[in-house]
Protein backbone atom coordinates (compact mmCIF):
# COMPACT_ATOMS: atom_id res chain seq x y z
CA MET A 1 77.60 72.58 -100.30
CA ASP A 2 74.98 74.87 -101.91
CA LYS A 3 77.61 77.44 -102.90
CA VAL A 4 79.88 74.88 -104.56
CA LYS A 5 79.53 74.40 -108.31
CA LEU A 6 78.57 70.84 -109.23
CA TYR A 7 79.57 69.01 -112.40
CA LYS A 8 77.64 65.99 -113.65
CA SER A 9 79.38 62.69 -114.09
CA SER A 10 79.41 61.28 -117.59
CA LYS A 11 78.69 57.78 -116.25
CA GLU A 12 75.77 58.29 -113.85
CA PRO A 13 73.23 61.18 -113.91
CA GLU A 14 72.90 61.28 -110.09
CA ILE A 15 76.66 61.48 -109.52
CA TYR A 16 78.44 64.83 -109.40
CA TYR A 17 81.93 66.08 -108.74
CA TYR A 18 83.07 69.39 -107.25
CA PHE A 19 86.16 71.11 -105.92
CA ASN A 20 86.52 71.99 -102.24
CA ALA A 21 88.27 75.03 -100.75
CA LYS A 22 91.65 73.27 -101.06
CA GLY A 23 91.08 72.60 -104.74
CA GLU A 24 90.61 68.85 -104.20
CA LYS A 25 88.24 67.03 -106.55
CA LEU A 26 85.53 65.21 -104.59
CA TRP A 27 82.42 63.26 -105.53
CA MET A 28 78.82 63.12 -104.32
CA TYR A 29 75.45 61.63 -105.18
CA ARG A 30 71.91 63.10 -105.16
CA HIS A 31 69.16 60.48 -105.36
CA LYS A 32 65.47 61.42 -105.65
CA PHE A 33 62.79 58.94 -104.55
CA TYR A 34 59.28 58.71 -103.07
CA ASP A 35 58.78 57.71 -99.45
CA GLU A 36 55.98 55.50 -98.07
CA ALA A 37 53.60 58.45 -97.94
CA GLY A 38 54.24 59.21 -101.62
CA LYS A 39 56.21 62.34 -100.77
CA ARG A 40 59.20 63.17 -102.96
CA GLN A 41 62.48 63.00 -101.05
CA GLU A 42 66.12 63.53 -101.88
CA LYS A 43 69.04 61.67 -100.36
CA LYS A 44 72.48 63.14 -100.90
CA LYS A 45 75.95 62.50 -99.62
CA SER A 46 79.25 64.16 -100.45
CA SER A 47 83.02 64.03 -99.75
CA PHE A 48 83.73 60.81 -101.62
CA LYS A 49 87.34 60.74 -102.81
CA THR A 50 86.61 58.69 -105.92
CA GLU A 51 83.76 58.41 -108.40
CA LYS A 52 83.72 54.66 -107.81
CA ALA A 53 83.03 55.10 -104.08
CA ALA A 54 80.20 57.54 -104.78
CA VAL A 55 78.62 55.16 -107.32
CA LYS A 56 78.84 52.24 -104.87
CA ALA A 57 77.09 54.26 -102.15
CA LEU A 58 74.41 55.42 -104.58
CA LEU A 59 73.69 51.85 -105.69
CA GLU A 60 73.23 50.83 -102.05
CA VAL A 61 70.70 53.63 -101.56
CA LYS A 62 68.86 52.67 -104.75
CA ALA A 63 68.72 49.03 -103.66
CA ALA A 64 67.30 50.07 -100.30
CA THR A 65 64.56 52.15 -101.94
CA LEU A 66 63.65 49.23 -104.20
CA ARG A 67 63.31 47.03 -101.10
CA GLY A 68 60.96 49.64 -99.63
CA GLU A 69 63.44 50.70 -96.93
CA THR A 70 62.75 54.39 -97.38
CA LYS A 71 62.45 55.05 -93.64
CA HIS A 72 65.97 53.76 -93.18
CA ILE A 73 67.20 56.24 -95.77
CA VAL A 74 65.18 59.27 -94.65
CA ASN A 75 66.28 58.82 -91.02
CA GLU A 76 69.94 58.12 -91.68
CA SER A 77 71.01 61.29 -89.84
CA MET A 78 68.75 60.73 -86.81
CA THR A 79 70.60 60.68 -83.49
CA ILE A 80 69.98 58.35 -80.54
CA GLY A 81 68.59 61.31 -78.61
CA GLU A 82 66.13 62.24 -81.37
CA TRP A 83 64.89 58.66 -81.65
CA LEU A 84 64.44 58.27 -77.89
CA ASP A 85 62.37 61.48 -77.78
CA THR A 86 60.27 60.21 -80.70
CA TRP A 87 59.86 56.80 -79.06
CA LEU A 88 58.71 58.31 -75.77
CA GLU A 89 56.22 60.56 -77.54
CA MET A 90 54.87 57.66 -79.64
CA ASN A 91 54.12 55.56 -76.57
CA GLN A 92 53.15 58.16 -73.99
CA LYS A 93 49.43 57.36 -74.19
CA LYS A 94 49.98 53.59 -74.36
CA TRP A 95 51.97 53.30 -71.14
CA LYS A 96 50.85 53.79 -67.57
CA LEU A 97 51.79 57.21 -66.17
CA SER A 98 54.30 55.66 -63.74
CA THR A 99 55.89 53.64 -66.58
CA SER A 100 56.10 56.70 -68.82
CA GLU A 101 57.71 58.83 -66.09
CA TYR A 102 60.14 56.06 -65.13
CA ARG A 103 61.28 55.54 -68.73
CA LYS A 104 61.62 59.27 -69.39
CA MET A 105 63.79 59.59 -66.28
CA ILE A 106 66.13 56.85 -67.51
CA VAL A 107 66.26 58.38 -71.00
CA ASP A 108 67.02 61.89 -69.72
CA ASN A 109 69.41 60.96 -66.90
CA HIS A 110 71.43 58.23 -68.58
CA LEU A 111 70.76 57.31 -72.20
CA LYS A 112 70.67 60.79 -73.75
CA LYS A 113 73.52 62.10 -71.61
CA LEU A 114 75.99 59.49 -72.79
CA LEU A 115 74.55 58.33 -76.12
CA GLY A 116 72.30 61.14 -77.35
CA HIS A 117 74.80 62.60 -79.83
CA TYR A 118 75.55 59.30 -81.63
CA ARG A 119 73.86 58.54 -84.96
CA LEU A 120 71.20 55.88 -84.43
CA GLN A 121 72.28 53.88 -87.48
CA LYS A 122 76.00 54.24 -86.77
CA LEU A 123 76.27 53.26 -83.09
CA ASP A 124 77.84 49.80 -82.86
CA ARG A 125 78.02 47.33 -79.98
CA ALA A 126 81.70 47.96 -79.19
CA THR A 127 81.14 51.72 -78.86
CA TYR A 128 78.02 51.16 -76.76
CA GLN A 129 79.93 48.83 -74.42
CA ARG A 130 82.84 51.26 -74.07
CA ALA A 131 81.04 54.62 -73.95
CA PHE A 132 77.97 53.57 -71.98
CA ILE A 133 78.06 50.22 -70.17
CA ASN A 134 81.68 50.44 -69.00
CA VAL A 135 81.18 54.03 -67.81
CA LEU A 136 78.04 53.24 -65.79
CA GLU A 137 79.41 50.00 -64.30
CA ASP A 138 81.57 52.14 -62.02
CA LYS A 139 78.62 54.29 -60.95
CA LEU A 140 75.54 52.06 -60.73
CA GLN A 141 74.55 48.75 -59.19
CA PRO A 142 74.50 45.90 -61.78
CA TYR A 143 70.75 45.39 -61.24
CA THR A 144 70.07 49.05 -62.08
CA LEU A 145 72.38 48.99 -65.10
CA LYS A 146 70.63 45.89 -66.43
CA GLN A 147 67.29 47.69 -66.15
CA ILE A 148 68.64 50.67 -68.11
CA HIS A 149 70.19 48.41 -70.77
CA GLY A 150 66.93 46.49 -71.02
CA LEU A 151 65.03 49.71 -71.65
CA PHE A 152 67.53 50.75 -74.35
CA LYS A 153 67.01 47.40 -76.10
CA ILE A 154 63.24 47.96 -76.05
CA ALA A 155 63.73 51.38 -77.69
CA ILE A 156 66.08 49.90 -80.31
CA ASN A 157 63.62 47.07 -81.06
CA ALA A 158 60.99 49.75 -81.67
CA ALA A 159 63.33 51.41 -84.19
CA VAL A 160 63.67 48.04 -85.95
CA GLU A 161 59.88 47.66 -86.05
CA GLU A 162 59.63 51.16 -87.54
CA GLU A 163 62.16 50.07 -90.21
CA ILE A 164 64.60 52.79 -89.20
CA LEU A 165 67.13 50.11 -88.22
CA ALA A 166 67.73 46.78 -89.90
CA ARG A 167 68.41 44.90 -86.65
CA ASN A 168 69.21 45.28 -82.95
CA ARG A 169 73.00 45.22 -82.49
CA PHE A 170 72.91 45.32 -78.69
CA THR A 171 71.51 41.92 -77.70
CA LYS A 172 74.84 40.36 -76.65
CA VAL A 173 76.21 43.20 -74.52
CA VAL A 174 78.06 42.00 -71.41
CA ILE A 175 77.11 43.38 -67.98
CA LYS A 176 78.77 42.08 -64.82
CA ASP A 177 76.50 40.20 -62.47
CA GLU A 178 75.64 41.77 -59.16
CA ASP A 179 78.40 41.40 -56.58
CA ASP A 180 79.87 38.83 -58.97
CA THR A 181 83.12 38.22 -57.12
CA LYS A 182 82.08 38.48 -53.50
CA THR A 183 78.47 38.45 -52.42
CA SER A 184 76.19 37.27 -55.23
CA ASN A 185 75.45 33.77 -53.87
CA LYS A 186 76.49 34.22 -50.26
CA PHE A 187 74.18 33.80 -47.33
CA LEU A 188 74.24 33.84 -43.54
CA THR A 189 73.68 30.94 -41.18
CA PRO A 190 70.77 31.20 -38.71
CA VAL A 191 73.26 32.14 -35.95
CA GLU A 192 74.81 34.86 -38.13
CA LEU A 193 71.38 36.19 -39.13
CA ASN A 194 70.37 36.47 -35.48
CA LYS A 195 73.60 38.36 -34.79
CA LEU A 196 72.92 40.70 -37.73
CA LEU A 197 69.38 41.49 -36.57
CA SER A 198 70.30 41.97 -32.92
CA THR A 199 73.16 44.31 -33.90
CA ALA A 200 70.84 46.32 -36.16
CA LYS A 201 68.29 46.60 -33.37
CA GLU A 202 70.94 48.01 -31.01
CA THR A 203 72.77 50.32 -33.42
CA GLU A 204 70.30 51.46 -36.12
CA ASP A 205 67.07 53.48 -36.04
CA ILE A 206 63.68 51.77 -36.00
CA SER A 207 63.12 52.25 -39.74
CA HIS A 208 66.39 50.54 -40.70
CA TYR A 209 65.85 47.68 -38.27
CA SER A 210 62.24 47.14 -39.40
CA PHE A 211 63.31 46.99 -43.05
CA LEU A 212 66.03 44.47 -42.26
CA LEU A 213 63.65 42.31 -40.22
CA VAL A 214 60.98 42.28 -42.95
CA ALA A 215 63.53 41.48 -45.68
CA ALA A 216 65.11 38.67 -43.63
CA TYR A 217 61.83 37.07 -42.54
CA THR A 218 60.14 37.19 -45.97
CA GLY A 219 62.96 36.81 -48.52
CA MET A 220 61.34 39.50 -50.66
CA ARG A 221 63.40 41.48 -53.16
CA ARG A 222 64.71 44.83 -51.97
CA GLY A 223 62.55 46.71 -54.50
CA GLU A 224 59.48 44.83 -53.28
CA ALA A 225 60.24 45.79 -49.67
CA LEU A 226 60.75 49.43 -50.67
CA GLY A 227 57.44 49.33 -52.56
CA LEU A 228 55.38 48.18 -49.58
CA GLN A 229 52.55 50.45 -48.45
CA TRP A 230 50.62 50.19 -45.20
CA LYS A 231 47.58 48.77 -47.02
CA ASN A 232 49.76 45.76 -47.89
CA ILE A 233 50.09 44.75 -44.23
CA ASP A 234 47.29 42.60 -42.78
CA PHE A 235 47.96 42.79 -39.04
CA LYS A 236 45.03 40.51 -38.23
CA ASN A 237 45.96 37.63 -40.55
CA HIS A 238 49.73 38.13 -40.29
CA THR A 239 50.29 38.58 -44.03
CA ILE A 240 52.16 40.95 -46.34
CA THR A 241 50.98 41.41 -49.93
CA ILE A 242 53.46 42.32 -52.67
CA GLU A 243 51.96 44.21 -55.62
CA ARG A 244 54.65 46.71 -56.64
CA THR A 245 58.38 47.36 -56.65
CA ARG A 246 60.21 50.66 -56.08
CA ASP A 247 63.70 52.04 -56.64
CA LYS A 248 65.24 55.46 -57.26
CA PHE A 249 63.33 55.67 -60.57
CA GLY A 250 59.96 55.30 -58.84
CA ALA A 251 57.29 52.66 -58.21
CA ARG A 252 55.95 50.24 -60.81
CA THR A 253 54.43 46.78 -61.20
CA PRO A 254 56.46 43.79 -59.95
CA LYS A 255 59.11 41.92 -61.92
CA THR A 256 56.96 38.96 -63.05
CA LYS A 257 53.46 37.52 -62.68
CA ASN A 258 54.81 35.22 -59.94
CA SER A 259 56.00 38.29 -58.04
CA TYR A 260 52.40 39.18 -57.11
CA ARG A 261 51.91 37.24 -53.89
CA THR A 262 50.77 37.30 -50.27
CA ILE A 263 53.29 36.07 -47.69
CA LEU A 264 52.47 34.71 -44.26
CA VAL A 265 54.80 36.21 -41.64
CA ASP A 266 55.84 35.52 -38.07
CA SER A 267 54.29 37.36 -35.12
CA ILE A 268 57.77 38.84 -34.51
CA VAL A 269 57.45 40.78 -37.77
CA ILE A 270 53.87 41.87 -37.09
CA GLU A 271 54.69 43.13 -33.58
CA GLN A 272 57.70 45.04 -34.87
CA LEU A 273 55.61 46.65 -37.62
CA LYS A 274 53.02 47.71 -35.02
CA LYS A 275 55.74 49.47 -33.00
CA TYR A 276 57.18 50.97 -36.15
CA LYS A 277 53.76 52.23 -37.27
CA THR A 278 53.40 54.17 -34.02
CA TRP A 279 56.77 55.86 -34.65
CA TYR A 280 55.79 56.39 -38.30
CA LYS A 281 52.62 58.30 -37.41
CA LYS A 282 54.56 60.53 -35.00
CA VAL A 283 56.98 61.45 -37.80
CA CYS A 284 54.08 62.20 -40.15
CA LEU A 285 52.47 64.42 -37.53
CA GLN A 286 55.79 66.23 -36.86
CA TYR A 287 56.31 67.09 -40.53
CA GLY A 288 52.70 67.80 -41.49
CA ILE A 289 52.25 64.65 -43.55
CA LYS A 290 48.70 63.28 -43.63
CA TYR A 291 48.86 59.60 -42.82
CA SER A 292 47.34 57.30 -45.43
CA SER A 293 47.42 53.56 -46.07
CA ASP A 294 48.81 54.43 -49.53
CA LEU A 295 52.04 55.81 -48.06
CA PHE A 296 55.26 53.84 -48.49
CA ILE A 297 56.21 52.06 -45.28
CA PHE A 298 59.94 52.68 -45.07
CA ILE A 299 60.79 56.34 -44.48
CA ASN A 300 63.60 58.36 -42.89
CA SER A 301 63.28 60.55 -39.82
CA TYR A 302 61.98 63.40 -42.02
CA GLY A 303 59.09 61.37 -43.38
CA GLU A 304 60.65 60.84 -46.83
CA PRO A 305 60.59 57.42 -48.54
CA VAL A 306 64.00 55.77 -48.24
CA HIS A 307 65.87 54.52 -51.33
CA ASP A 308 67.90 51.34 -51.63
CA GLN A 309 71.31 53.04 -51.39
CA THR A 310 70.53 54.00 -47.78
CA PHE A 311 69.88 50.37 -46.92
CA TYR A 312 72.98 49.21 -48.82
CA MET A 313 75.10 51.42 -46.59
CA MET A 314 73.17 50.37 -43.46
CA LEU A 315 73.66 46.66 -44.16
CA LYS A 316 77.40 47.13 -44.71
CA ARG A 317 77.64 49.17 -41.50
CA VAL A 318 75.77 46.60 -39.41
CA GLN A 319 77.89 43.71 -40.73
CA LEU A 320 81.11 45.55 -39.90
CA VAL A 321 79.89 46.21 -36.34
CA ALA A 322 78.74 42.59 -35.96
CA LYS A 323 82.02 41.36 -37.51
CA LEU A 324 80.14 39.44 -40.18
CA VAL A 325 82.92 39.84 -42.72
CA ASP A 326 85.00 37.79 -45.16
CA GLU A 327 88.73 37.21 -44.79
CA ASP A 328 89.47 40.45 -46.66
CA GLY A 329 87.29 42.43 -44.23
CA SER A 330 84.42 43.04 -46.65
CA PRO A 331 80.77 42.42 -45.59
CA LYS A 332 79.61 38.83 -46.10
CA ILE A 333 76.36 39.55 -47.93
CA SER A 334 74.57 42.15 -50.05
CA LEU A 335 70.91 43.09 -49.66
CA HIS A 336 70.12 40.32 -52.13
CA GLY A 337 72.06 38.01 -49.83
CA LEU A 338 69.22 38.33 -47.30
CA ARG A 339 66.97 36.71 -49.92
CA HIS A 340 69.51 33.91 -50.40
CA THR A 341 69.71 33.52 -46.62
CA HIS A 342 65.94 33.18 -46.28
CA ALA A 343 65.74 30.56 -49.04
CA THR A 344 68.75 28.59 -47.82
CA ILE A 345 67.48 28.39 -44.23
CA LEU A 346 64.12 27.08 -45.47
CA LEU A 347 65.78 24.52 -47.75
CA ASN A 348 68.11 23.33 -44.99
CA ASN A 349 65.09 22.76 -42.80
CA GLY A 350 63.44 20.55 -45.38
CA GLN A 351 60.76 22.93 -46.67
CA ASN A 352 59.04 22.06 -49.94
CA VAL A 353 60.61 23.70 -53.02
CA LYS A 354 57.20 24.71 -54.44
CA VAL A 355 56.27 26.46 -51.18
CA ILE A 356 59.61 28.29 -51.11
CA ALA A 357 59.21 29.32 -54.75
CA GLU A 358 55.76 30.79 -54.07
CA ARG A 359 57.14 32.65 -51.06
CA LEU A 360 60.02 34.14 -53.09
CA GLY A 361 57.88 34.94 -56.12
CA ASN A 362 59.84 32.49 -58.28
CA THR A 363 59.13 29.22 -60.05
CA PRO A 364 60.31 25.86 -58.61
CA ASN A 365 62.77 25.58 -61.52
CA MET A 366 64.30 28.95 -60.66
CA VAL A 367 64.74 27.86 -57.05
CA MET A 368 66.34 24.59 -58.14
CA ASN A 369 68.73 26.41 -60.50
CA THR A 370 69.67 29.12 -57.99
CA TYR A 371 70.06 26.87 -54.96
CA GLY A 372 71.24 23.68 -56.64
CA HIS A 373 74.31 23.56 -54.38
CA VAL A 374 72.08 23.48 -51.29
CA MET A 375 69.90 20.78 -52.85
CA LYS A 376 72.95 18.59 -53.49
CA GLU A 377 74.06 19.01 -49.87
CA LEU A 378 70.58 18.01 -48.69
CA GLU A 379 70.60 15.00 -51.02
CA GLN A 380 73.93 13.86 -49.56
CA GLU A 381 72.57 14.38 -46.05
CA SER A 382 69.46 12.31 -46.83
CA VAL A 383 71.67 9.44 -48.08
CA THR A 384 73.67 9.56 -44.84
CA VAL A 385 70.53 9.66 -42.68
CA PHE A 386 69.03 6.69 -44.55
CA SER A 387 72.24 4.65 -44.25
CA GLU A 388 72.58 5.42 -40.55
CA SER A 389 68.94 4.45 -39.97
CA LEU A 390 69.47 1.08 -41.61
CA ALA A 391 72.69 0.51 -39.72
CA THR A 392 70.92 1.22 -36.44
CA GLY A 393 68.08 -1.14 -37.39
CA ALA A 394 70.51 -3.88 -38.37
CA LYS A 395 72.29 -3.61 -35.03
CA SER A 396 69.08 -3.64 -33.00
CA GLY A 397 67.82 -6.69 -34.91
CA ALA A 398 71.05 -8.70 -34.60
CA ASN A 399 71.12 -12.02 -32.60
């Protein structure tokens, strides 16, 4: 552009025309303004086919500068990747180290790889859905994808606050729910759960079985189980304290304030964890790992913390062996289904909703919304029990 001779328009002093290598007459604008820091800037854009189009674009830029939207103009060429790097750097000292590392991992491994080359101000929702969400839906679990999308929205909101973007276009993006068609709300009966656990005990190693037992007997989220450390187990008082969650991106604070909780557990769980701890210490000794109460509980036979994908595969494997499958031969439940199973068994046995909510790290309303179908069944059962009781009383009191 610098080597091309420019000719001023007779209508507007900041509009020029020039001839490209093909001899075509094209138009451009060059607008000078002062940014928020009082520094002189120039915004220019070329390749307009008509003078009218160039004038229209210039007027839009002038209007933006009059509204004080100079950041929007100066950063028009900024890419998604450049903004994400800036955002991470801006907040590095504000976030916890674990949060900073977790977010950088998501940015580097997913967001920048697929979106980094797009212009920040040009990326629209349809392109984001097609080029990012749809691509990752085939590779990641819905829960993980929702976390990544949530982080992207936080970064975009920050760009809005910095006045680089006018608004967040990505608030109504559609992501499929976890196991939406098969296992999202499914659960096992007490008989089926016993079969699952006994099969796991016979066919899986002690780490896999212990994880499954803890998840089934507590109803905790898979990330919460993966985040457990030995200091969270109170063998004397039979309790497990949840104060972090962990996935393949690392450990961090729990999902909500309600997620911080201490759960009372059965002696079956405590005795199993005692046996498992003995095995655990042997593995640590074998691989030169110094045992500490800060170590994550669930490890593989090499002493490495296990990630959720390992347990996904284990649960599928155990269900296939135990023949706990749907009509199409697929496993009946997901890992989250163990949480549904725990809650449903408690509800079916008449446990108080508030107590169940505290155990799950939810609110009573969340429990009512999630397990409304079970509540309706219990309501119908209570009506039947009441009617039968009155019928029995009427018969016994008859002359």
